[in-house]
N, C-alpha and C. Protein backbone atom coordinates (compact mmCIF):
# COMPACT_ATOMS: atom_id res chain seq x y z
N MET A 1 0.85 -1.18 -0.03
CA MET A 1 -0.10 0.05 0.06
C MET A 1 0.91 1.22 -0.10
N SER A 2 0.44 2.19 -0.86
CA SER A 2 1.33 3.39 -1.01
C SER A 2 1.67 4.17 0.15
N PHE A 3 0.63 4.24 1.17
CA PHE A 3 0.60 5.17 2.33
C PHE A 3 1.72 4.72 3.22
N LYS A 4 2.37 3.53 3.11
CA LYS A 4 3.53 3.06 3.89
C LYS A 4 4.68 3.70 3.73
N ASP A 5 4.93 4.26 2.55
CA ASP A 5 6.21 4.79 2.00
C ASP A 5 6.52 6.24 2.75
N ASN A 6 5.42 6.81 3.00
CA ASN A 6 5.51 8.32 3.63
C ASN A 6 5.67 8.13 5.01
N THR A 7 6.98 8.23 5.51
CA THR A 7 7.26 8.09 6.92
C THR A 7 6.77 9.20 7.84
N ASP A 8 6.42 10.38 7.28
CA ASP A 8 5.89 11.35 8.05
C ASP A 8 4.32 11.21 8.37
N ASN A 9 3.75 10.30 7.68
CA ASN A 9 2.22 10.27 7.78
C ASN A 9 1.84 8.84 7.56
N ASN A 10 2.35 7.97 8.25
CA ASN A 10 2.12 6.44 7.95
C ASN A 10 1.44 5.63 8.99
N ASN A 11 0.91 6.35 9.93
CA ASN A 11 0.15 5.62 10.92
C ASN A 11 -1.28 5.59 10.51
N ILE A 12 -2.02 4.69 11.10
CA ILE A 12 -3.55 4.66 10.93
C ILE A 12 -4.20 4.89 12.36
N ILE A 13 -5.04 5.83 12.34
CA ILE A 13 -5.77 6.04 13.50
C ILE A 13 -7.13 5.86 13.47
N LEU A 14 -7.61 4.82 14.39
CA LEU A 14 -9.03 4.36 14.26
C LEU A 14 -9.87 5.13 15.37
N ILE A 15 -10.97 5.74 14.72
CA ILE A 15 -11.93 6.54 15.71
C ILE A 15 -13.24 5.78 15.62
N GLY A 16 -14.14 6.14 16.46
CA GLY A 16 -15.56 5.51 16.48
C GLY A 16 -15.91 5.30 17.89
N MET A 17 -17.30 4.89 17.97
CA MET A 17 -17.93 4.71 19.31
C MET A 17 -17.36 3.46 19.98
N PRO A 18 -17.55 3.58 21.31
CA PRO A 18 -17.13 2.41 22.04
C PRO A 18 -17.98 1.16 21.54
N ALA A 19 -17.29 0.09 21.43
CA ALA A 19 -17.73 -1.26 21.00
C ALA A 19 -17.81 -1.20 19.52
N SER A 20 -17.17 -0.19 18.89
CA SER A 20 -17.23 -0.26 17.22
C SER A 20 -16.03 -1.06 16.86
N GLY A 21 -15.22 -1.70 17.65
CA GLY A 21 -14.25 -2.82 17.18
C GLY A 21 -12.82 -2.05 17.08
N LYS A 22 -12.54 -0.91 17.51
CA LYS A 22 -11.27 -0.13 17.20
C LYS A 22 -10.09 -0.98 17.78
N SER A 23 -10.05 -1.54 19.00
CA SER A 23 -8.96 -2.20 19.66
C SER A 23 -8.91 -3.58 18.99
N THR A 24 -9.99 -4.35 18.83
CA THR A 24 -9.93 -5.62 18.28
C THR A 24 -9.41 -5.58 16.70
N LEU A 25 -10.11 -4.85 16.10
CA LEU A 25 -9.65 -4.69 14.67
C LEU A 25 -8.14 -4.00 14.47
N GLY A 26 -7.88 -3.07 15.40
CA GLY A 26 -6.53 -2.41 15.40
C GLY A 26 -5.42 -3.57 15.49
N VAL A 27 -5.61 -4.44 16.54
CA VAL A 27 -4.50 -5.47 16.83
C VAL A 27 -4.33 -6.27 15.42
N ILE A 28 -5.46 -6.80 14.95
CA ILE A 28 -5.36 -7.62 13.78
C ILE A 28 -4.86 -6.66 12.61
N LEU A 29 -5.14 -5.50 12.37
CA LEU A 29 -4.77 -4.79 11.32
C LEU A 29 -3.29 -4.56 11.31
N ALA A 30 -2.84 -4.26 12.61
CA ALA A 30 -1.45 -4.09 12.87
C ALA A 30 -0.68 -5.35 12.37
N LYS A 31 -1.11 -6.50 12.97
CA LYS A 31 -0.39 -7.77 12.51
C LYS A 31 -0.37 -7.88 11.08
N VAL A 32 -1.40 -7.63 10.29
CA VAL A 32 -1.54 -7.83 8.87
C VAL A 32 -0.45 -7.04 8.06
N LEU A 33 -0.48 -5.69 8.56
CA LEU A 33 0.37 -4.70 7.88
C LEU A 33 1.86 -4.76 8.38
N GLY A 34 2.15 -5.46 9.53
CA GLY A 34 3.42 -5.46 10.15
C GLY A 34 3.47 -4.08 10.88
N TYR A 35 2.71 -3.58 11.46
CA TYR A 35 2.74 -2.30 12.19
C TYR A 35 2.63 -2.57 13.67
N ASN A 36 3.00 -1.56 14.42
CA ASN A 36 2.73 -1.55 15.95
C ASN A 36 1.54 -1.21 16.27
N PHE A 37 1.01 -1.43 17.39
CA PHE A 37 -0.29 -1.15 17.84
C PHE A 37 -0.35 -0.37 19.13
N ILE A 38 -1.10 0.59 19.27
CA ILE A 38 -1.22 1.50 20.55
C ILE A 38 -2.85 1.61 20.84
N ASP A 39 -3.28 1.26 22.04
CA ASP A 39 -4.64 1.61 22.43
C ASP A 39 -4.44 2.68 23.24
N SER A 40 -4.89 3.95 22.82
CA SER A 40 -4.82 5.21 23.62
C SER A 40 -5.42 5.22 24.86
N ASP A 41 -6.49 4.49 25.09
CA ASP A 41 -7.00 4.30 26.39
C ASP A 41 -6.13 3.83 27.29
N ILE A 42 -5.30 2.69 26.97
CA ILE A 42 -4.53 2.02 27.85
C ILE A 42 -3.29 2.97 28.24
N LEU A 43 -2.94 3.72 27.16
CA LEU A 43 -1.80 4.76 27.17
C LEU A 43 -2.25 5.76 28.36
N ILE A 44 -3.44 6.18 28.41
CA ILE A 44 -4.04 7.18 29.40
C ILE A 44 -4.02 6.45 30.72
N GLN A 45 -4.43 5.26 30.87
CA GLN A 45 -4.45 4.60 32.09
C GLN A 45 -3.24 4.48 32.79
N GLU A 46 -2.14 4.07 31.86
CA GLU A 46 -0.78 3.92 32.34
C GLU A 46 -0.21 5.25 32.68
N LYS A 47 -0.44 6.34 31.99
CA LYS A 47 0.08 7.72 32.50
C LYS A 47 -0.55 8.29 33.66
N GLN A 48 -1.82 7.89 33.92
CA GLN A 48 -2.61 8.50 34.90
C GLN A 48 -2.63 7.36 36.23
N ASP A 49 -2.13 6.28 35.96
CA ASP A 49 -2.15 5.20 37.08
C ASP A 49 -3.52 4.83 37.56
N ARG A 50 -4.54 5.09 36.66
CA ARG A 50 -5.78 4.82 37.09
C ARG A 50 -6.72 4.32 35.98
N LYS A 51 -7.79 3.53 36.21
CA LYS A 51 -8.75 3.24 35.09
C LYS A 51 -9.47 4.43 34.65
N LEU A 52 -9.90 4.24 33.34
CA LEU A 52 -10.70 5.41 32.80
C LEU A 52 -11.91 5.84 33.58
N SER A 53 -12.61 4.83 33.99
CA SER A 53 -13.79 5.13 34.93
C SER A 53 -13.37 5.92 36.16
N GLN A 54 -12.27 5.52 36.69
CA GLN A 54 -11.83 6.32 37.92
C GLN A 54 -11.46 7.77 37.51
N ILE A 55 -10.79 8.02 36.59
CA ILE A 55 -10.33 9.19 36.16
C ILE A 55 -11.72 10.18 36.03
N ILE A 56 -12.59 9.44 35.19
CA ILE A 56 -13.92 10.26 35.04
C ILE A 56 -14.65 10.51 36.33
N GLU A 57 -14.77 9.54 37.19
CA GLU A 57 -15.49 9.70 38.55
C GLU A 57 -14.67 10.71 39.39
N GLU A 58 -13.46 10.69 39.46
CA GLU A 58 -12.70 11.44 40.51
C GLU A 58 -12.47 12.92 39.95
N ASP A 59 -12.16 13.04 38.64
CA ASP A 59 -11.69 14.37 38.05
C ASP A 59 -12.93 14.94 37.31
N GLY A 60 -13.75 14.27 36.90
CA GLY A 60 -14.87 14.59 36.07
C GLY A 60 -14.66 14.70 34.51
N ILE A 61 -15.71 14.88 33.68
CA ILE A 61 -15.63 14.67 32.20
C ILE A 61 -14.72 15.59 31.59
N ASP A 62 -14.80 16.86 32.05
CA ASP A 62 -14.00 18.01 31.33
C ASP A 62 -12.55 17.72 31.56
N SER A 63 -12.09 17.27 32.84
CA SER A 63 -10.68 16.97 33.16
C SER A 63 -10.18 15.71 32.27
N PHE A 64 -11.08 14.77 32.27
CA PHE A 64 -10.81 13.47 31.51
C PHE A 64 -10.46 13.88 30.03
N ILE A 65 -11.41 14.63 29.49
CA ILE A 65 -11.22 15.04 28.13
C ILE A 65 -9.88 16.07 27.81
N GLU A 66 -9.47 16.74 28.65
CA GLU A 66 -8.37 17.42 28.72
C GLU A 66 -7.21 16.51 28.70
N ILE A 67 -7.06 15.46 29.72
CA ILE A 67 -6.10 14.61 29.79
C ILE A 67 -5.90 13.77 28.57
N GLU A 68 -6.95 13.37 28.15
CA GLU A 68 -7.19 12.45 26.83
C GLU A 68 -6.51 13.28 25.69
N ASN A 69 -6.84 14.48 25.54
CA ASN A 69 -6.43 15.42 24.34
C ASN A 69 -4.87 15.48 24.51
N GLU A 70 -4.44 15.66 25.67
CA GLU A 70 -2.94 15.96 25.96
C GLU A 70 -2.17 14.61 25.60
N VAL A 71 -2.66 13.49 26.05
CA VAL A 71 -1.86 12.22 25.89
C VAL A 71 -2.03 11.89 24.34
N ASN A 72 -3.09 12.01 23.59
CA ASN A 72 -3.30 11.66 22.30
C ASN A 72 -2.30 12.66 21.53
N ALA A 73 -2.24 13.81 21.79
CA ALA A 73 -1.51 14.81 21.07
C ALA A 73 -0.14 14.56 21.13
N SER A 74 0.40 13.90 22.27
CA SER A 74 1.87 13.54 22.55
C SER A 74 2.17 12.20 21.93
N ILE A 75 1.44 11.60 21.24
CA ILE A 75 1.83 10.27 20.68
C ILE A 75 2.60 10.46 19.54
N ASP A 76 3.88 10.02 19.45
CA ASP A 76 4.92 10.27 18.51
C ASP A 76 5.35 8.83 18.06
N VAL A 77 4.79 8.27 17.04
CA VAL A 77 5.12 6.98 16.58
C VAL A 77 5.07 6.92 14.92
N GLN A 78 5.61 5.80 14.51
CA GLN A 78 5.73 5.55 12.97
C GLN A 78 5.20 4.19 12.75
N ARG A 79 4.51 3.91 11.66
CA ARG A 79 3.94 2.70 11.28
C ARG A 79 3.13 1.89 12.44
N THR A 80 2.36 2.67 12.99
CA THR A 80 1.51 2.29 14.12
C THR A 80 0.08 2.47 13.89
N VAL A 81 -0.72 1.42 14.24
CA VAL A 81 -2.17 1.43 14.22
C VAL A 81 -2.51 1.91 15.69
N ILE A 82 -3.20 3.04 15.77
CA ILE A 82 -3.62 3.73 17.03
C ILE A 82 -5.18 3.62 17.13
N ALA A 83 -5.57 2.80 18.16
CA ALA A 83 -7.00 2.71 18.55
C ALA A 83 -7.31 3.70 19.61
N THR A 84 -8.15 4.77 19.18
CA THR A 84 -8.52 5.71 20.23
C THR A 84 -9.65 5.43 21.02
N GLY A 85 -9.83 6.13 22.08
CA GLY A 85 -11.18 6.10 22.87
C GLY A 85 -12.16 6.80 22.06
N GLY A 86 -13.34 6.40 22.32
CA GLY A 86 -14.52 6.96 21.62
C GLY A 86 -14.79 8.48 21.76
N SER A 87 -14.07 9.02 22.87
CA SER A 87 -14.21 10.54 23.18
C SER A 87 -13.08 11.33 22.58
N ALA A 88 -12.14 10.58 21.89
CA ALA A 88 -10.95 11.37 21.39
C ALA A 88 -11.26 12.49 20.50
N VAL A 89 -12.31 12.32 19.73
CA VAL A 89 -12.86 13.55 18.95
C VAL A 89 -13.29 14.79 19.56
N TYR A 90 -13.37 14.74 20.85
CA TYR A 90 -13.66 15.98 21.55
C TYR A 90 -12.23 16.92 21.80
N GLY A 91 -11.13 16.24 21.48
CA GLY A 91 -9.73 16.85 21.58
C GLY A 91 -9.36 17.29 20.25
N ASP A 92 -9.63 18.74 20.01
CA ASP A 92 -9.18 19.23 18.61
C ASP A 92 -7.82 19.15 18.40
N LYS A 93 -7.06 19.32 19.39
CA LYS A 93 -5.46 19.44 19.37
C LYS A 93 -5.00 17.96 18.93
N ALA A 94 -5.58 17.02 19.72
CA ALA A 94 -5.20 15.64 19.40
C ALA A 94 -5.58 15.25 17.99
N MET A 95 -6.80 15.61 17.60
CA MET A 95 -7.40 15.21 16.13
C MET A 95 -6.39 15.77 15.18
N GLN A 96 -6.17 17.15 15.28
CA GLN A 96 -5.32 17.71 14.30
C GLN A 96 -3.91 17.03 14.32
N HIS A 97 -3.48 16.55 15.32
CA HIS A 97 -2.11 15.79 15.54
C HIS A 97 -2.25 14.53 14.74
N PHE A 98 -3.45 13.74 14.94
CA PHE A 98 -3.60 12.44 14.33
C PHE A 98 -3.79 12.67 12.79
N LYS A 99 -4.42 13.66 12.36
CA LYS A 99 -4.47 13.89 10.77
C LYS A 99 -3.20 14.24 10.27
N ASN A 100 -2.14 14.79 11.03
CA ASN A 100 -0.81 15.24 10.72
C ASN A 100 0.05 14.06 10.51
N ILE A 101 -0.17 12.99 11.44
CA ILE A 101 0.74 11.90 11.50
C ILE A 101 0.16 10.55 10.87
N GLY A 102 -0.91 10.47 10.13
CA GLY A 102 -1.57 9.49 9.57
C GLY A 102 -3.01 9.59 8.99
N ARG A 103 -3.64 8.40 8.70
CA ARG A 103 -4.80 8.47 8.22
C ARG A 103 -5.84 8.18 9.25
N VAL A 104 -6.93 8.93 9.45
CA VAL A 104 -7.97 8.75 10.40
C VAL A 104 -9.12 7.98 9.80
N ILE A 105 -9.38 6.73 10.34
CA ILE A 105 -10.42 5.83 9.79
C ILE A 105 -11.43 5.82 10.77
N TYR A 106 -12.72 6.17 10.49
CA TYR A 106 -13.97 6.07 11.26
C TYR A 106 -14.53 4.65 11.06
N LEU A 107 -14.70 4.00 12.23
CA LEU A 107 -15.33 2.65 12.12
C LEU A 107 -16.75 2.92 12.63
N HIS A 108 -17.67 3.02 11.57
CA HIS A 108 -18.99 3.43 11.67
C HIS A 108 -19.86 2.17 12.00
N VAL A 109 -20.59 2.17 13.06
CA VAL A 109 -21.66 1.14 13.51
C VAL A 109 -22.99 1.80 13.69
N GLU A 110 -23.93 1.33 12.96
CA GLU A 110 -25.28 1.82 13.22
C GLU A 110 -25.74 1.66 14.61
N TYR A 111 -26.57 2.67 15.19
CA TYR A 111 -26.97 2.76 16.52
C TYR A 111 -27.51 1.47 17.01
N ASP A 112 -28.54 0.83 16.30
CA ASP A 112 -29.13 -0.26 16.91
C ASP A 112 -28.30 -1.42 17.30
N ARG A 113 -27.07 -1.72 16.18
CA ARG A 113 -26.07 -2.69 16.35
C ARG A 113 -25.29 -2.42 17.47
N LEU A 114 -24.96 -1.13 17.79
CA LEU A 114 -23.89 -0.72 18.92
C LEU A 114 -24.74 -0.97 20.24
N VAL A 115 -25.84 -0.60 20.39
CA VAL A 115 -26.66 -0.87 21.56
C VAL A 115 -26.61 -2.21 22.00
N LYS A 116 -26.77 -3.10 21.02
CA LYS A 116 -26.54 -4.68 21.30
C LYS A 116 -25.20 -5.04 21.85
N ARG A 117 -24.20 -4.36 21.38
CA ARG A 117 -22.96 -4.74 21.85
C ARG A 117 -22.50 -4.10 23.15
N LEU A 118 -23.04 -3.12 23.41
CA LEU A 118 -22.66 -2.36 24.79
C LEU A 118 -23.48 -2.96 25.99
N SER A 119 -22.77 -3.19 27.07
CA SER A 119 -23.63 -3.76 28.19
C SER A 119 -23.51 -2.69 29.33
N ASP A 120 -22.33 -2.42 29.83
CA ASP A 120 -22.05 -1.51 30.95
C ASP A 120 -21.22 -0.34 30.43
N ILE A 121 -21.73 0.73 30.14
CA ILE A 121 -21.07 1.90 29.58
C ILE A 121 -20.28 2.70 30.81
N LYS A 122 -20.76 2.59 32.02
CA LYS A 122 -19.99 3.15 33.18
C LYS A 122 -18.65 2.52 33.48
N GLN A 123 -18.82 1.29 33.49
CA GLN A 123 -17.55 0.59 33.77
C GLN A 123 -16.53 0.56 32.81
N ARG A 124 -17.04 0.63 31.45
CA ARG A 124 -16.23 0.89 30.38
C ARG A 124 -15.48 2.19 30.30
N GLY A 125 -15.84 3.10 31.02
CA GLY A 125 -15.41 4.52 30.99
C GLY A 125 -15.83 5.40 29.87
N VAL A 126 -16.94 5.18 29.44
CA VAL A 126 -17.67 5.97 28.34
C VAL A 126 -17.97 7.43 28.93
N VAL A 127 -17.39 8.45 28.20
CA VAL A 127 -17.72 9.77 28.44
C VAL A 127 -19.17 10.11 28.09
N ILE A 128 -19.92 10.12 29.00
CA ILE A 128 -21.45 10.54 28.81
C ILE A 128 -21.81 11.43 29.90
N ARG A 129 -22.47 12.66 29.46
CA ARG A 129 -22.78 13.68 30.53
C ARG A 129 -24.09 13.22 31.31
N ASP A 130 -24.12 13.76 32.48
CA ASP A 130 -25.47 13.43 33.28
C ASP A 130 -26.69 13.83 32.52
N GLY A 131 -27.77 13.12 32.36
CA GLY A 131 -28.79 13.61 31.74
C GLY A 131 -28.78 13.20 30.19
N GLN A 132 -27.72 12.91 29.64
CA GLN A 132 -27.58 12.61 28.15
C GLN A 132 -27.78 11.14 27.98
N THR A 133 -28.60 10.94 27.01
CA THR A 133 -28.86 9.48 26.48
C THR A 133 -27.88 9.01 25.68
N PHE A 134 -27.87 7.71 25.64
CA PHE A 134 -26.64 7.16 24.68
C PHE A 134 -27.03 7.56 23.21
N GLU A 135 -28.19 7.58 22.91
CA GLU A 135 -28.77 8.07 21.52
C GLU A 135 -28.11 9.46 21.24
N GLN A 136 -28.32 10.37 22.06
CA GLN A 136 -27.95 11.75 21.88
C GLN A 136 -26.39 11.78 21.89
N LEU A 137 -25.70 11.03 22.72
CA LEU A 137 -24.30 10.83 22.77
C LEU A 137 -23.78 10.37 21.19
N TYR A 138 -24.54 9.26 20.83
CA TYR A 138 -24.19 8.62 19.45
C TYR A 138 -24.42 9.95 18.41
N ASP A 139 -25.42 10.68 18.32
CA ASP A 139 -25.75 11.56 17.33
C ASP A 139 -24.48 12.75 17.39
N GLU A 140 -24.30 13.19 18.54
CA GLU A 140 -23.32 14.18 18.77
C GLU A 140 -21.90 13.67 18.43
N ARG A 141 -21.51 12.55 18.46
CA ARG A 141 -20.26 11.96 18.10
C ARG A 141 -20.18 11.73 16.69
N VAL A 142 -21.20 11.15 16.14
CA VAL A 142 -21.04 10.69 14.75
C VAL A 142 -20.75 12.00 13.82
N ARG A 143 -21.17 13.30 14.23
CA ARG A 143 -20.90 14.40 13.50
C ARG A 143 -19.29 14.74 13.56
N LEU A 144 -18.91 14.46 14.79
CA LEU A 144 -17.43 14.63 15.05
C LEU A 144 -16.50 13.57 14.24
N TYR A 145 -16.89 12.33 14.23
CA TYR A 145 -16.34 11.35 13.66
C TYR A 145 -16.30 11.67 12.13
N ASN A 146 -17.27 12.09 11.49
CA ASN A 146 -17.39 12.38 10.21
C ASN A 146 -16.46 13.59 9.77
N LYS A 147 -16.42 14.42 10.76
CA LYS A 147 -15.58 15.75 10.43
C LYS A 147 -14.21 15.45 10.51
N TYR A 148 -13.55 14.39 11.20
CA TYR A 148 -12.26 14.20 11.45
C TYR A 148 -11.93 13.03 10.17
N ALA A 149 -12.71 12.19 9.79
CA ALA A 149 -12.41 11.02 9.12
C ALA A 149 -11.95 11.25 7.83
N ASP A 150 -10.57 10.41 7.50
CA ASP A 150 -10.24 10.51 6.07
C ASP A 150 -11.04 9.38 5.39
N ILE A 151 -11.32 8.42 6.10
CA ILE A 151 -11.98 7.09 5.44
C ILE A 151 -13.03 6.78 6.33
N THR A 152 -14.18 6.50 5.85
CA THR A 152 -15.19 5.70 6.90
C THR A 152 -15.47 4.29 6.32
N VAL A 153 -15.38 3.37 7.26
CA VAL A 153 -15.80 1.95 7.04
C VAL A 153 -16.98 1.76 7.78
N THR A 154 -18.13 1.42 7.21
CA THR A 154 -19.27 0.86 7.90
C THR A 154 -19.35 -0.49 8.08
N GLU A 155 -19.47 -0.95 9.39
CA GLU A 155 -19.49 -2.34 9.78
C GLU A 155 -20.97 -2.82 9.58
N ASN A 156 -21.15 -3.51 8.44
CA ASN A 156 -22.56 -4.10 8.16
C ASN A 156 -22.67 -5.54 8.65
N CYS A 157 -21.76 -6.06 9.44
CA CYS A 157 -21.79 -7.56 9.91
C CYS A 157 -20.96 -7.53 11.24
N GLU A 158 -21.08 -8.78 11.91
CA GLU A 158 -20.41 -8.87 12.93
C GLU A 158 -18.95 -9.62 12.64
N ASN A 159 -18.69 -9.94 11.68
CA ASN A 159 -17.54 -10.74 11.22
C ASN A 159 -16.35 -9.91 11.11
N VAL A 160 -15.40 -10.12 12.04
CA VAL A 160 -14.19 -9.31 12.03
C VAL A 160 -13.48 -9.24 10.77
N GLU A 161 -13.32 -10.52 10.22
CA GLU A 161 -12.52 -10.69 9.18
C GLU A 161 -13.09 -9.99 7.80
N THR A 162 -14.44 -9.85 7.67
CA THR A 162 -15.00 -9.03 6.64
C THR A 162 -14.89 -7.60 6.88
N VAL A 163 -15.00 -7.15 8.04
CA VAL A 163 -14.57 -5.65 8.46
C VAL A 163 -13.25 -5.35 8.04
N LEU A 164 -12.40 -6.32 8.43
CA LEU A 164 -10.84 -6.13 8.13
C LEU A 164 -10.58 -5.96 6.70
N ALA A 165 -11.08 -6.86 6.04
CA ALA A 165 -11.07 -6.93 4.43
C ALA A 165 -11.41 -5.50 3.92
N ASP A 166 -12.60 -5.11 4.35
CA ASP A 166 -13.31 -3.73 3.79
C ASP A 166 -12.26 -2.61 4.28
N LEU A 167 -11.63 -2.69 5.35
CA LEU A 167 -10.80 -1.66 5.98
C LEU A 167 -9.55 -1.68 5.07
N ILE A 168 -9.00 -2.94 4.78
CA ILE A 168 -7.80 -2.88 4.03
C ILE A 168 -8.06 -2.48 2.64
N LYS A 169 -9.13 -2.81 2.09
CA LYS A 169 -9.60 -2.29 0.66
C LYS A 169 -9.49 -0.82 0.77
N GLU A 170 -10.26 -0.27 1.64
CA GLU A 170 -10.30 1.21 1.76
C GLU A 170 -8.91 1.72 1.71
N LEU A 171 -7.98 1.22 2.72
CA LEU A 171 -6.84 1.91 2.80
C LEU A 171 -5.93 1.86 1.49
N GLY A 172 -6.16 0.80 0.85
CA GLY A 172 -5.40 0.55 -0.41
C GLY A 172 -5.86 1.45 -1.62
N GLU A 173 -7.17 1.84 -1.55
CA GLU A 173 -7.71 2.83 -2.53
C GLU A 173 -7.49 4.18 -2.20
N ALA A 174 -7.31 4.64 -0.95
CA ALA A 174 -7.23 5.96 -0.46
C ALA A 174 -5.93 6.66 -0.90
């Protein structure tokens, strides 16, 4: 794939809602391409020495978003698949950084399919404001994902191999 040769812009950044498969697909994609893999949520937890849900509970959503923005904006890698947290798109600094260091891929999952995949959004560390429904969160974020995405891959099935094949095809054509 031609994008591999550009060493300044050769990362692949996966964005999308929680449970859209960013981490799962990211690991497999990294193996297929011979890339490294980073899960930015795990990076945040390592730097903060706390789980995401603890950061949100103890510091509040706005502080969490600031922490996430700074951590994501500081990622300096080459030939790496980066799976971001679903709320990464709230950090403009980080998203501009991601667009400078690679291709931003939005893994789009329809709302109804996503609801079936998600069980406990609080334990998962999902950034959702008091009084906000999951559907409102989904609508809010979809606009941001579309704003930042270089490529959108819509997941029309639960088969990881099919979604991976679609993603690789899109990367090759972009």
